[in-house]
Amino acid sequence: MTLIPQNFLKQVASGYGVSDTEFEVLSKALLEGESIATIATQLKLKPETVRKRLGETYRKFQISGKGPGKMAKLQQLLVALYQEQSQSEEFLPQTAEPKTSSLISRQDWNAAPDVETFYGRTKELSQLSQWTLSDRCRLVALLGMGGMGKTTLAVKFARQNAGKFDFVIWRSLRQGIQLRSILNDLLEFLSPQPLSNFEEVETGISQLMEILRSNRCLLVLDDVEVILSCQDLAGYYADGFTDYGKFIQRIAEEPHQSCLILATSEKLKDLGQLEGQKVRSLQVVGSEEISQKILAERGFVVSQDWVSLIERYGCNPLAVKIISAMVEELYAGQVGDFIKNTLFMGDVRSLLDQPFQRLSLAEKELMYWLALEQQPINLSQLQEKILLPLSASELLETVGSLGRRSLIEKSQKQRQTYFSLQPVVMKYAIEQFVRQVDEELVGLIKNQDLSGIRLLKLYPLETSENSKKHYSILDLVMNRLKSRLFTNTRGLNLAIKRLEESLSNLQEEFFEGEYITQNLENVINAIQ
């Protein structure tokens, strides 16, 4: 048993990144002298879970060795820290604030999530270590669509390597924080003495750069996509956030001994120009290993059906976590029954709602084309088919923008680049397309409203290639339309009449290349 106040232990443990669950085990072992078996009984845990949490605590305190000797080393470290703080307080005037040990105050994790369970990503952690610790990169960007685990990876790496930096500071931009506020926050934490307030943001950046040159700091900014513009091509800063561009440029180009890690689902437009020996990007992709461990943790046996489903969702860990919960709750664990419902998205939709809302009109409509193709397609093939008003250069720029959002995949075949969507993204885009086409058809049937027609003009609901495709778009549209309008024979006949009238009215306006006539004919035939 160690005579260290619990509040002091809590403060030190928090500074070293020890989670609440790990601290619970640590305090019982260190302060109460309980054995692993007793702790397991008291906390209703398995003994191996207790050992694992203690092991993580030793690692965070950088305690090496084996057996009981590790606890003794940890006790010695904590006693030394406590004595250092106590002695420094002895000589302070009564009005002075007690001094906190510098070893405690070096880390500010703010709202960084607790990563108690972490699977895989050995290669990614190794790459980050190489770039950040060995190559001394100034800027590293973690890229990938939502749910891939960018934040989890960043937390794991930062906590594992916190002891190799003088300062570690974590901030999320989720609330759209202005750069001035971030700079004030960073300078207040990093500076040993108060700095004069800066009027110009450029001055604040310069003050921060001085600190980054003098100290080895690890800065992590999460949710960076929030400060980027919506409904525009990817990677451009939103109004009010353009000064982040200068900040990131100076971090990337000026010599210093620190590192900034950015976690974002959208690659900054100017990052490509900055990349080189000191600026790197890591694409965080889906992981079958992590996905299978998530299923095993929920008690599922990873059958071939599960492997197939994991692949459909791009091995996205968060998507797999959501899907496995739905299979358990709605399908009694029968994954085969879930697979039969081919277009069911459920709560996975929330992963793509925000990225889809951020798309420009050109990006959204190009996404629809890629989704309807349901197979890889090259740029020349795409240009032949689409009716979108995009030049070759605009098409290339739009494809590049979708790539920066991590929403499309590239593959090589016969020296040509082919583009496609991940299965989960394709399902989402098809769902959105079907919903919008349904609205257009309902408008035609109810009001013969031609002004709201766009997708029916630009996209074919059925093609000669349909037999090769997994989803029949026309069937999906008809299933949705029938469930809404065709509840009786009278409604069905009225729909046919209205659509035929609309088709007749369109004959005069129709010009070669539009798909609307073909689409309305196919819908009428499907109703009949």
Protein backbone atom coordinates (compact mmCIF):
# COMPACT_ATOMS: atom_id res chain seq x y z
CA MET A 1 0.00 0.00 0.00
CA THR A 2 1.37 3.44 -0.96
CA LEU A 3 0.72 6.61 1.06
CA ILE A 4 -0.18 8.80 -1.91
CA PRO A 5 -3.42 10.84 -1.87
CA GLN A 6 -5.97 9.53 -4.31
CA ASN A 7 -6.58 12.96 -5.84
CA PHE A 8 -2.86 13.28 -6.61
CA LEU A 9 -2.78 9.82 -8.17
CA LYS A 10 -5.83 10.71 -10.25
CA GLN A 11 -4.17 13.92 -11.48
CA VAL A 12 -0.93 12.17 -12.44
CA ALA A 13 -2.73 9.22 -14.08
CA SER A 14 -4.89 11.58 -16.13
CA GLY A 15 -1.77 13.42 -17.30
CA TYR A 16 -0.26 10.15 -18.51
CA GLY A 17 -3.43 9.25 -20.43
CA VAL A 18 -4.74 6.56 -18.04
CA SER A 19 -8.46 5.93 -18.68
CA ASP A 20 -11.11 5.87 -15.94
CA THR A 21 -11.44 2.08 -16.10
CA GLU A 22 -7.66 1.66 -15.90
CA PHE A 23 -7.47 4.10 -12.97
CA GLU A 24 -10.14 2.13 -11.11
CA VAL A 25 -7.93 -0.98 -11.24
CA LEU A 26 -4.74 0.99 -10.53
CA SER A 27 -6.09 2.66 -7.39
CA LYS A 28 -7.20 -0.65 -5.90
CA ALA A 29 -3.85 -2.29 -6.64
CA LEU A 30 -1.69 0.66 -5.60
CA LEU A 31 -3.61 2.43 -2.86
CA GLU A 32 -5.46 -0.53 -1.32
CA GLY A 33 -2.88 -3.23 -2.03
CA GLU A 34 -5.48 -5.61 -3.45
CA SER A 35 -4.50 -8.66 -5.50
CA ILE A 36 -5.60 -9.20 -9.08
CA ALA A 37 -8.05 -11.90 -7.99
CA THR A 38 -9.62 -9.63 -5.36
CA ILE A 39 -9.87 -6.70 -7.76
CA ALA A 40 -11.52 -8.94 -10.34
CA THR A 41 -14.09 -10.08 -7.78
CA GLN A 42 -14.80 -6.57 -6.50
CA LEU A 43 -15.20 -5.03 -9.96
CA LYS A 44 -16.90 -8.11 -11.45
CA LEU A 45 -14.22 -8.49 -14.11
CA LYS A 46 -12.21 -11.38 -15.45
CA PRO A 47 -8.67 -11.58 -14.00
CA GLU A 48 -7.20 -11.25 -17.51
CA THR A 49 -9.13 -7.98 -17.93
CA VAL A 50 -7.57 -6.66 -14.73
CA ARG A 51 -4.10 -7.69 -15.94
CA LYS A 52 -4.72 -6.05 -19.31
CA ARG A 53 -5.72 -2.74 -17.71
CA LEU A 54 -2.70 -2.80 -15.42
CA GLY A 55 -0.51 -3.63 -18.42
CA GLU A 56 -1.85 -0.62 -20.30
CA THR A 57 -1.18 1.56 -17.26
CA TYR A 58 2.45 0.37 -17.02
CA ARG A 59 2.91 1.06 -20.71
CA LYS A 60 1.55 4.60 -20.41
CA PHE A 61 3.90 5.29 -17.50
CA GLN A 62 6.70 3.67 -19.56
CA ILE A 63 7.34 1.03 -16.88
CA SER A 64 9.22 -1.95 -18.31
CA GLY A 65 10.02 -5.33 -16.83
CA LYS A 66 8.02 -8.36 -15.68
CA GLY A 67 6.07 -9.52 -12.64
CA PRO A 68 5.67 -7.65 -9.32
CA GLY A 69 8.74 -5.53 -10.06
CA LYS A 70 6.68 -3.34 -12.41
CA MET A 71 4.34 -2.27 -9.61
CA ALA A 72 7.35 -1.46 -7.41
CA LYS A 73 8.84 0.73 -10.17
CA LEU A 74 5.54 2.52 -10.59
CA GLN A 75 5.34 3.14 -6.83
CA GLN A 76 8.84 4.62 -6.85
CA LEU A 77 7.98 6.95 -9.72
CA LEU A 78 4.77 8.15 -8.07
CA VAL A 79 6.37 8.67 -4.68
CA ALA A 80 9.15 10.71 -6.32
CA LEU A 81 6.59 12.88 -8.12
CA TYR A 82 4.58 13.37 -4.93
CA GLN A 83 7.67 14.30 -2.91
CA GLU A 84 8.75 16.74 -5.62
CA GLN A 85 5.39 18.48 -5.50
CA SER A 86 5.26 18.49 -1.68
CA GLN A 87 8.75 19.99 -1.37
CA SER A 88 8.04 22.71 -3.91
CA GLU A 89 4.86 23.68 -2.01
CA GLU A 90 6.81 23.92 1.30
CA PHE A 91 8.70 27.00 0.12
CA LEU A 92 5.79 28.78 -1.54
CA PRO A 93 4.28 31.89 0.18
CA GLN A 94 0.92 31.12 1.73
CA THR A 95 -0.82 33.23 -0.92
CA ALA A 96 0.83 31.40 -3.81
CA GLU A 97 -0.85 28.69 -5.81
CA PRO A 98 0.59 25.15 -5.30
CA LYS A 99 2.92 24.19 -8.15
CA THR A 100 1.97 21.28 -10.31
CA SER A 101 4.75 19.00 -11.48
CA SER A 102 5.85 19.70 -15.05
CA LEU A 103 5.63 15.97 -15.71
CA ILE A 104 1.90 16.17 -15.03
CA SER A 105 1.07 19.32 -16.98
CA ARG A 106 2.69 18.38 -20.29
CA GLN A 107 -0.37 16.63 -21.71
CA ASP A 108 -3.78 18.14 -22.46
CA TRP A 109 -6.14 15.60 -23.97
CA ASN A 110 -9.21 17.84 -23.86
CA ALA A 111 -12.08 15.86 -25.48
CA ALA A 112 -9.94 13.05 -26.90
CA PRO A 113 -11.96 9.81 -26.69
CA ASP A 114 -10.89 6.98 -24.41
CA VAL A 115 -9.48 4.11 -26.46
CA GLU A 116 -9.65 1.17 -24.09
CA THR A 117 -10.18 -1.44 -26.82
CA PHE A 118 -7.94 -1.21 -29.86
CA TYR A 119 -7.47 -3.80 -32.59
CA GLY A 120 -4.92 -4.15 -35.38
CA ARG A 121 -3.50 -1.14 -37.24
CA THR A 122 0.05 -2.38 -36.51
CA LYS A 123 1.23 -1.27 -39.96
CA GLU A 124 -0.36 2.18 -39.60
CA LEU A 125 1.11 2.73 -36.12
CA SER A 126 4.52 1.70 -37.42
CA GLN A 127 4.23 4.10 -40.34
CA LEU A 128 3.23 6.97 -38.04
CA SER A 129 6.18 6.20 -35.78
CA GLN A 130 8.54 6.22 -38.75
CA TRP A 131 7.27 9.55 -40.06
CA THR A 132 6.79 11.30 -36.74
CA LEU A 133 9.65 10.00 -34.60
CA SER A 134 12.33 8.90 -37.07
CA ASP A 135 11.78 11.19 -40.07
CA ARG A 136 10.70 14.11 -37.87
CA CYS A 137 7.80 15.04 -40.15
CA ARG A 138 6.25 18.40 -39.37
CA LEU A 139 2.77 17.54 -40.62
CA VAL A 140 0.94 14.22 -40.98
CA ALA A 141 -2.65 13.94 -42.28
CA LEU A 142 -4.85 10.95 -41.45
CA LEU A 143 -7.43 10.62 -44.24
CA GLY A 144 -10.44 8.36 -44.69
CA MET A 145 -14.22 8.30 -44.75
CA GLY A 146 -16.18 8.40 -41.50
CA GLY A 147 -16.05 5.29 -39.34
CA MET A 148 -12.67 4.02 -40.55
CA GLY A 149 -10.99 4.82 -37.23
CA LYS A 150 -8.88 7.93 -37.92
CA THR A 151 -9.58 9.40 -34.48
CA THR A 152 -8.99 6.09 -32.70
CA LEU A 153 -5.69 5.63 -34.52
CA ALA A 154 -4.57 9.17 -33.68
CA VAL A 155 -5.43 8.72 -29.98
CA LYS A 156 -3.66 5.38 -29.81
CA PHE A 157 -0.51 6.71 -31.45
CA ALA A 158 -0.45 9.91 -29.37
CA ARG A 159 -0.94 8.09 -26.06
CA GLN A 160 1.63 5.42 -26.94
CA ASN A 161 4.25 8.03 -27.74
CA ALA A 162 3.33 10.87 -25.38
CA GLY A 163 6.52 10.38 -23.36
CA LYS A 164 8.65 11.13 -26.43
CA PHE A 165 7.38 14.72 -26.62
CA ASP A 166 7.74 17.68 -24.29
CA PHE A 167 4.07 18.56 -24.83
CA VAL A 168 1.05 16.72 -26.20
CA ILE A 169 -2.15 18.63 -26.93
CA TRP A 170 -5.36 17.36 -28.53
CA ARG A 171 -8.14 19.52 -29.94
CA SER A 172 -11.27 18.80 -31.97
CA LEU A 173 -12.58 21.31 -34.53
CA ARG A 174 -16.03 19.71 -34.45
CA GLN A 175 -17.62 22.95 -33.22
CA GLY A 176 -16.04 25.01 -36.00
CA ILE A 177 -13.48 26.78 -33.83
CA GLN A 178 -11.83 29.89 -35.24
CA LEU A 179 -8.04 29.79 -35.61
CA ARG A 180 -7.63 32.75 -33.25
CA SER A 181 -9.30 30.75 -30.45
CA ILE A 182 -7.16 27.69 -31.17
CA LEU A 183 -3.98 29.77 -31.12
CA ASN A 184 -4.91 31.43 -27.82
CA ASP A 185 -5.65 28.00 -26.37
CA LEU A 186 -2.39 26.46 -27.60
CA LEU A 187 -0.23 29.39 -26.50
CA GLU A 188 -1.80 29.45 -23.05
CA PHE A 189 -1.01 25.76 -22.57
CA LEU A 190 2.42 25.65 -24.22
CA SER A 191 3.98 28.88 -23.05
CA PRO A 192 5.82 28.84 -19.68
CA GLN A 193 4.86 32.46 -19.14
CA PRO A 194 1.96 34.62 -20.33
CA LEU A 195 2.43 36.05 -23.83
CA SER A 196 1.13 39.41 -24.92
CA ASN A 197 -2.22 39.25 -26.69
CA PHE A 198 -1.85 39.32 -30.46
CA GLU A 199 -4.01 41.51 -32.67
CA GLU A 200 -3.12 39.83 -35.94
CA VAL A 201 -3.54 36.07 -36.38
CA GLU A 202 -0.20 36.02 -38.19
CA THR A 203 1.46 37.24 -34.97
CA GLY A 204 -0.16 34.41 -33.01
CA ILE A 205 1.09 31.88 -35.55
CA SER A 206 4.61 33.32 -35.22
CA GLN A 207 4.48 33.04 -31.42
CA LEU A 208 3.39 29.41 -31.72
CA MET A 209 6.15 28.65 -34.25
CA GLU A 210 8.75 29.91 -31.74
CA ILE A 211 7.46 27.43 -29.16
CA LEU A 212 7.41 24.59 -31.71
CA ARG A 213 11.04 25.33 -32.53
CA SER A 214 12.10 25.43 -28.87
CA ASN A 215 10.13 22.35 -27.73
CA ARG A 216 9.25 18.92 -29.09
CA CYS A 217 5.43 19.16 -29.29
CA LEU A 218 2.78 16.83 -30.66
CA LEU A 219 -0.37 18.70 -31.71
CA VAL A 220 -3.44 16.78 -32.89
CA LEU A 221 -6.39 18.48 -34.61
CA ASP A 222 -9.38 16.20 -35.16
CA ASP A 223 -12.53 16.72 -37.31
CA VAL A 224 -10.70 19.11 -39.64
CA GLU A 225 -13.32 18.66 -42.38
CA VAL A 226 -15.68 20.88 -40.34
CA ILE A 227 -13.71 24.01 -41.29
CA LEU A 228 -13.92 23.18 -45.01
CA SER A 229 -16.54 24.52 -47.38
CA CYS A 230 -19.83 22.67 -47.97
CA GLN A 231 -21.52 22.18 -51.36
CA ASP A 232 -18.30 23.09 -53.13
CA LEU A 233 -15.44 20.98 -54.45
CA ALA A 234 -13.53 19.27 -51.65
CA GLY A 235 -10.68 20.73 -49.65
CA TYR A 236 -11.39 24.46 -49.79
CA TYR A 237 -11.68 26.39 -46.53
CA ALA A 238 -15.10 27.72 -45.53
CA ASP A 239 -15.66 31.44 -45.02
CA GLY A 240 -14.10 32.52 -41.73
CA PHE A 241 -11.55 29.69 -41.70
CA THR A 242 -9.19 30.62 -44.55
CA ASP A 243 -6.44 31.64 -42.10
CA TYR A 244 -6.04 27.93 -41.24
CA GLY A 245 -4.40 27.64 -44.67
CA LYS A 246 -1.57 29.98 -43.68
CA PHE A 247 -1.23 28.24 -40.30
CA ILE A 248 -0.90 24.79 -41.88
CA GLN A 249 1.44 26.09 -44.58
CA ARG A 250 3.83 27.56 -42.00
CA ILE A 251 3.74 24.36 -39.92
CA ALA A 252 4.60 22.39 -43.06
CA GLU A 253 7.29 24.63 -44.51
CA GLU A 254 9.14 26.27 -41.61
CA PRO A 255 11.83 24.33 -39.71
CA HIS A 256 10.85 23.20 -36.19
CA GLN A 257 11.06 20.06 -34.04
CA SER A 258 7.34 19.43 -33.52
CA CYS A 259 4.58 17.59 -35.38
CA LEU A 260 0.97 18.45 -36.23
CA ILE A 261 -1.39 15.52 -36.93
CA LEU A 262 -4.61 16.32 -38.80
CA ALA A 263 -7.49 13.81 -38.80
CA THR A 264 -10.00 14.54 -41.56
CA SER A 265 -12.43 12.79 -43.89
CA GLU A 266 -11.69 15.43 -46.54
CA LYS A 267 -8.19 16.12 -47.83
CA LEU A 268 -7.15 19.76 -47.86
CA LYS A 269 -6.79 21.03 -51.44
CA ASP A 270 -3.33 22.51 -50.81
CA LEU A 271 -2.01 19.47 -48.95
CA GLY A 272 -0.94 17.85 -52.21
CA GLN A 273 1.37 20.78 -52.93
CA LEU A 274 2.91 20.58 -49.44
CA GLU A 275 3.53 16.82 -49.38
CA GLY A 276 7.15 15.71 -49.39
CA GLN A 277 9.80 14.52 -46.94
CA LYS A 278 8.37 16.52 -44.04
CA VAL A 279 4.67 16.35 -44.91
CA ARG A 280 2.89 13.01 -45.28
CA SER A 281 -0.63 11.63 -45.72
CA LEU A 282 -1.89 8.26 -44.51
CA GLN A 283 -5.10 6.83 -45.96
CA VAL A 284 -6.95 4.95 -43.22
CA VAL A 285 -8.91 2.22 -45.00
CA GLY A 286 -11.23 -0.57 -43.95
CA SER A 287 -9.82 -3.52 -42.03
CA GLU A 288 -11.11 -7.08 -42.23
CA GLU A 289 -9.03 -7.96 -39.16
CA ILE A 290 -10.66 -5.26 -37.03
CA SER A 291 -14.12 -6.04 -38.42
CA GLN A 292 -13.82 -9.72 -37.52
CA LYS A 293 -12.60 -8.90 -34.00
CA ILE A 294 -15.59 -6.60 -33.51
CA LEU A 295 -17.89 -9.49 -34.48
CA ALA A 296 -16.05 -11.91 -32.19
CA GLU A 297 -16.38 -9.45 -29.31
CA ARG A 298 -20.17 -9.45 -29.84
CA GLY A 299 -20.16 -13.25 -29.74
CA PHE A 300 -20.67 -13.94 -33.45
CA VAL A 301 -18.94 -16.80 -35.26
CA VAL A 302 -17.44 -15.25 -38.40
CA SER A 303 -19.12 -17.30 -41.13
CA GLN A 304 -18.86 -16.81 -44.88
CA ASP A 305 -22.06 -14.74 -44.75
CA TRP A 306 -20.38 -12.41 -42.28
CA VAL A 307 -17.24 -12.16 -44.44
CA SER A 308 -19.44 -11.26 -47.41
CA LEU A 309 -21.32 -8.64 -45.39
CA ILE A 310 -18.10 -7.12 -44.04
CA GLU A 311 -16.86 -6.72 -47.62
CA ARG A 312 -20.13 -5.08 -48.67
CA TYR A 313 -19.57 -2.42 -46.03
CA GLY A 314 -15.99 -1.84 -47.09
CA CYS A 315 -14.62 -3.38 -43.86
CA ASN A 316 -15.56 -0.07 -42.20
CA PRO A 317 -15.19 -0.80 -38.45
CA LEU A 318 -17.95 1.54 -37.29
CA ALA A 319 -20.32 0.32 -40.00
CA VAL A 320 -19.62 -3.29 -38.96
CA LYS A 321 -20.26 -2.38 -35.32
CA ILE A 322 -23.62 -0.80 -36.26
CA ILE A 323 -24.62 -3.61 -38.62
CA SER A 324 -23.76 -6.36 -36.11
CA ALA A 325 -25.97 -4.64 -33.52
CA MET A 326 -28.85 -4.49 -36.04
CA VAL A 327 -28.41 -8.16 -36.98
CA GLU A 328 -28.54 -9.07 -33.31
CA GLU A 329 -31.53 -6.89 -32.45
CA LEU A 330 -33.68 -7.12 -35.59
CA TYR A 331 -32.73 -10.50 -37.07
CA ALA A 332 -31.98 -12.51 -33.92
CA GLY A 333 -28.37 -12.86 -35.03
CA GLN A 334 -29.27 -14.46 -38.37
CA VAL A 335 -26.96 -12.65 -40.76
CA GLY A 336 -28.31 -14.56 -43.78
CA ASP A 337 -31.75 -13.01 -43.25
CA PHE A 338 -30.21 -9.56 -43.06
CA ILE A 339 -28.29 -10.05 -46.32
CA LYS A 340 -31.56 -10.82 -48.17
CA ASN A 341 -32.69 -7.24 -47.45
CA THR A 342 -30.21 -5.98 -50.02
CA LEU A 343 -30.73 -2.22 -49.75
CA PHE A 344 -31.27 -1.92 -45.98
CA MET A 345 -28.97 0.77 -44.57
CA GLY A 346 -30.37 1.34 -41.07
CA ASP A 347 -28.18 3.41 -38.76
CA VAL A 348 -25.20 3.09 -41.14
CA ARG A 349 -26.89 5.88 -43.08
CA SER A 350 -25.72 8.34 -40.43
CA LEU A 351 -22.08 7.72 -41.48
CA LEU A 352 -22.79 9.09 -44.95
CA ASP A 353 -25.50 11.70 -44.39
CA GLN A 354 -23.07 14.49 -43.54
CA PRO A 355 -20.47 13.73 -46.27
CA PHE A 356 -23.27 13.52 -48.86
CA GLN A 357 -24.74 16.86 -47.74
CA ARG A 358 -21.29 18.45 -48.18
CA LEU A 359 -21.11 17.50 -51.88
CA SER A 360 -21.36 20.04 -54.68
CA LEU A 361 -24.16 19.46 -57.21
CA ALA A 362 -21.65 18.17 -59.79
CA GLU A 363 -20.14 15.73 -57.25
CA LYS A 364 -23.55 14.47 -56.18
CA GLU A 365 -24.72 13.83 -59.73
CA LEU A 366 -21.43 12.15 -60.65
CA MET A 367 -21.87 9.94 -57.55
CA TYR A 368 -25.26 8.89 -58.92
CA TRP A 369 -23.66 7.86 -62.22
CA LEU A 370 -20.98 5.80 -60.49
CA ALA A 371 -23.63 4.21 -58.27
CA LEU A 372 -25.91 3.31 -61.19
CA GLU A 373 -23.00 1.77 -63.08
CA GLN A 374 -22.41 -0.64 -60.15
CA GLN A 375 -19.00 -1.52 -61.58
CA PRO A 376 -15.68 0.26 -62.26
CA ILE A 377 -15.71 2.71 -65.16
CA ASN A 378 -12.98 4.86 -66.72
CA LEU A 379 -13.24 8.56 -67.52
CA SER A 380 -13.73 8.17 -71.26
CA GLN A 381 -16.59 5.69 -70.73
CA LEU A 382 -18.12 8.00 -68.16
CA GLN A 383 -17.90 11.00 -70.46
CA GLU A 384 -19.70 9.11 -73.24
CA LYS A 385 -22.65 8.26 -70.98
CA ILE A 386 -23.27 11.27 -68.80
CA LEU A 387 -25.52 14.16 -69.76
CA LEU A 388 -24.11 16.46 -67.10
CA PRO A 389 -22.86 19.85 -68.37
CA LEU A 390 -19.21 19.11 -67.50
CA SER A 391 -16.19 19.60 -69.73
CA ALA A 392 -13.40 17.01 -69.67
CA SER A 393 -11.34 19.15 -67.27
CA GLU A 394 -14.36 19.77 -65.01
CA LEU A 395 -15.12 16.06 -64.96
CA LEU A 396 -11.52 15.31 -63.98
CA GLU A 397 -11.64 17.96 -61.25
CA THR A 398 -14.92 16.60 -59.89
CA VAL A 399 -13.56 13.05 -59.77
CA GLY A 400 -10.47 14.36 -57.97
CA SER A 401 -12.68 16.15 -55.46
CA LEU A 402 -14.59 12.93 -54.69
CA GLY A 403 -11.22 11.24 -54.22
CA ARG A 404 -10.21 13.86 -51.65
CA ARG A 405 -13.41 13.01 -49.78
CA SER A 406 -12.43 9.29 -49.74
CA LEU A 407 -15.75 8.44 -51.41
CA ILE A 408 -14.45 6.76 -54.57
CA GLU A 409 -11.98 3.97 -55.20
CA LYS A 410 -9.43 3.72 -58.00
CA SER A 411 -8.17 0.59 -59.73
CA GLN A 412 -5.85 -0.05 -62.67
CA LYS A 413 -6.72 -2.19 -65.68
CA GLN A 414 -4.87 -2.31 -68.98
CA ARG A 415 -2.97 0.89 -68.08
CA GLN A 416 -6.20 2.79 -67.49
CA THR A 417 -7.62 4.12 -64.23
CA TYR A 418 -11.10 2.95 -63.32
CA PHE A 419 -13.34 4.55 -60.71
CA SER A 420 -16.00 2.96 -58.53
CA LEU A 421 -17.77 3.36 -55.21
CA GLN A 422 -17.31 1.25 -52.10
CA PRO A 423 -20.34 -1.07 -51.74
CA VAL A 424 -21.72 0.82 -48.72
CA VAL A 425 -21.33 4.18 -50.48
CA MET A 426 -22.95 2.76 -53.62
CA LYS A 427 -25.94 1.50 -51.61
CA TYR A 428 -26.33 4.88 -49.96
CA ALA A 429 -26.12 6.78 -53.28
CA ILE A 430 -28.65 4.42 -54.90
CA GLU A 431 -30.99 4.90 -51.95
CA GLN A 432 -30.74 8.70 -52.29
CA PHE A 433 -31.24 8.49 -56.06
CA VAL A 434 -34.30 6.26 -55.77
CA ARG A 435 -35.84 8.58 -53.17
CA GLN A 436 -35.35 11.65 -55.38
CA VAL A 437 -36.66 9.92 -58.53
CA ASP A 438 -39.69 8.78 -56.55
CA GLU A 439 -40.37 12.42 -55.56
CA GLU A 440 -40.15 13.49 -59.20
CA LEU A 441 -42.60 10.77 -60.29
CA VAL A 442 -45.04 11.62 -57.50
CA GLY A 443 -44.93 15.27 -58.61
CA LEU A 444 -45.76 14.20 -62.17
CA ILE A 445 -48.61 11.94 -61.09
CA LYS A 446 -50.20 14.38 -58.63
CA ASN A 447 -49.59 17.72 -60.33
CA GLN A 448 -48.08 16.92 -63.74
CA ASP A 449 -45.26 19.14 -62.52
CA LEU A 450 -42.52 19.12 -65.16
CA SER A 451 -40.44 21.85 -63.52
CA GLY A 452 -39.16 19.53 -60.80
CA ILE A 453 -37.85 16.91 -63.23
CA ARG A 454 -34.06 16.54 -63.29
CA LEU A 455 -32.86 13.02 -62.52
CA LEU A 456 -35.44 11.44 -64.82
CA LYS A 457 -33.93 13.52 -67.64
CA LEU A 458 -30.27 12.83 -66.84
CA TYR A 459 -30.17 9.16 -65.84
CA PRO A 460 -31.57 5.91 -67.30
CA LEU A 461 -33.59 3.80 -64.85
CA GLU A 462 -32.98 0.73 -66.97
CA THR A 463 -30.31 -0.15 -69.54
CA SER A 464 -29.34 -3.09 -71.72
CA GLU A 465 -26.60 -3.83 -69.15
CA ASN A 466 -29.10 -4.38 -66.32
CA SER A 467 -28.68 -8.15 -66.31
CA LYS A 468 -25.06 -7.68 -65.19
CA LYS A 469 -26.00 -5.47 -62.27
CA HIS A 470 -26.73 -6.40 -58.66
CA TYR A 471 -29.56 -3.90 -58.22
CA SER A 472 -32.37 -3.10 -60.66
CA ILE A 473 -32.93 0.64 -60.25
CA LEU A 474 -36.30 0.49 -61.98
CA ASP A 475 -37.50 -2.24 -59.62
CA LEU A 476 -36.35 -0.25 -56.58
CA VAL A 477 -38.14 2.87 -57.85
CA MET A 478 -41.33 0.91 -58.56
CA ASN A 479 -41.32 -0.79 -55.16
CA ARG A 480 -41.12 2.59 -53.45
CA LEU A 481 -43.71 4.18 -55.74
CA LYS A 482 -46.21 1.33 -55.34
CA SER A 483 -46.00 1.40 -51.57
CA ARG A 484 -46.88 5.10 -51.60
CA LEU A 485 -49.47 5.50 -54.38
CA PHE A 486 -50.81 2.28 -55.77
CA THR A 487 -52.96 1.08 -52.88
CA ASN A 488 -55.99 0.36 -55.12
CA THR A 489 -56.96 -0.07 -58.79
CA ARG A 490 -58.33 3.48 -59.08
CA GLY A 491 -55.03 4.98 -57.91
CA LEU A 492 -53.09 2.75 -60.28
CA ASN A 493 -55.21 3.72 -63.31
CA LEU A 494 -54.97 7.42 -62.42
CA ALA A 495 -51.18 7.15 -62.21
CA ILE A 496 -50.98 5.53 -65.64
CA LYS A 497 -53.25 8.22 -67.14
CA ARG A 498 -51.26 11.10 -65.64
CA LEU A 499 -47.91 9.64 -66.70
CA GLU A 500 -49.17 9.03 -70.25
CA GLU A 501 -50.37 12.65 -70.42
CA SER A 502 -46.98 13.84 -69.18
CA LEU A 503 -45.26 11.66 -71.75
CA SER A 504 -47.42 13.10 -74.50
CA ASN A 505 -46.66 16.65 -73.39
CA LEU A 506 -42.96 15.87 -73.36
CA GLN A 507 -42.86 14.56 -76.93
CA GLU A 508 -42.75 18.08 -78.32
CA GLU A 509 -40.08 19.21 -75.83
CA PHE A 510 -37.97 16.07 -76.10
CA PHE A 511 -34.54 16.38 -77.68
CA GLU A 512 -32.14 13.60 -78.51
CA GLY A 513 -30.03 12.40 -75.62
CA GLU A 514 -32.45 12.87 -72.74
CA TYR A 515 -33.60 9.75 -70.90
CA ILE A 516 -36.98 11.00 -69.70
CA THR A 517 -39.10 9.53 -72.49
CA GLN A 518 -37.48 6.12 -72.12
CA ASN A 519 -37.83 6.30 -68.33
CA LEU A 520 -41.54 7.22 -68.37
CA GLU A 521 -42.28 4.45 -70.90
CA ASN A 522 -40.50 1.93 -68.66
CA VAL A 523 -42.37 3.13 -65.55
CA ILE A 524 -45.76 2.92 -67.32
CA ASN A 525 -44.99 -0.61 -68.54
CA ALA A 526 -43.89 -1.62 -65.06
CA ILE A 527 -47.15 -0.31 -63.55
CA GLN A 528 -49.25 -2.17 -66.11
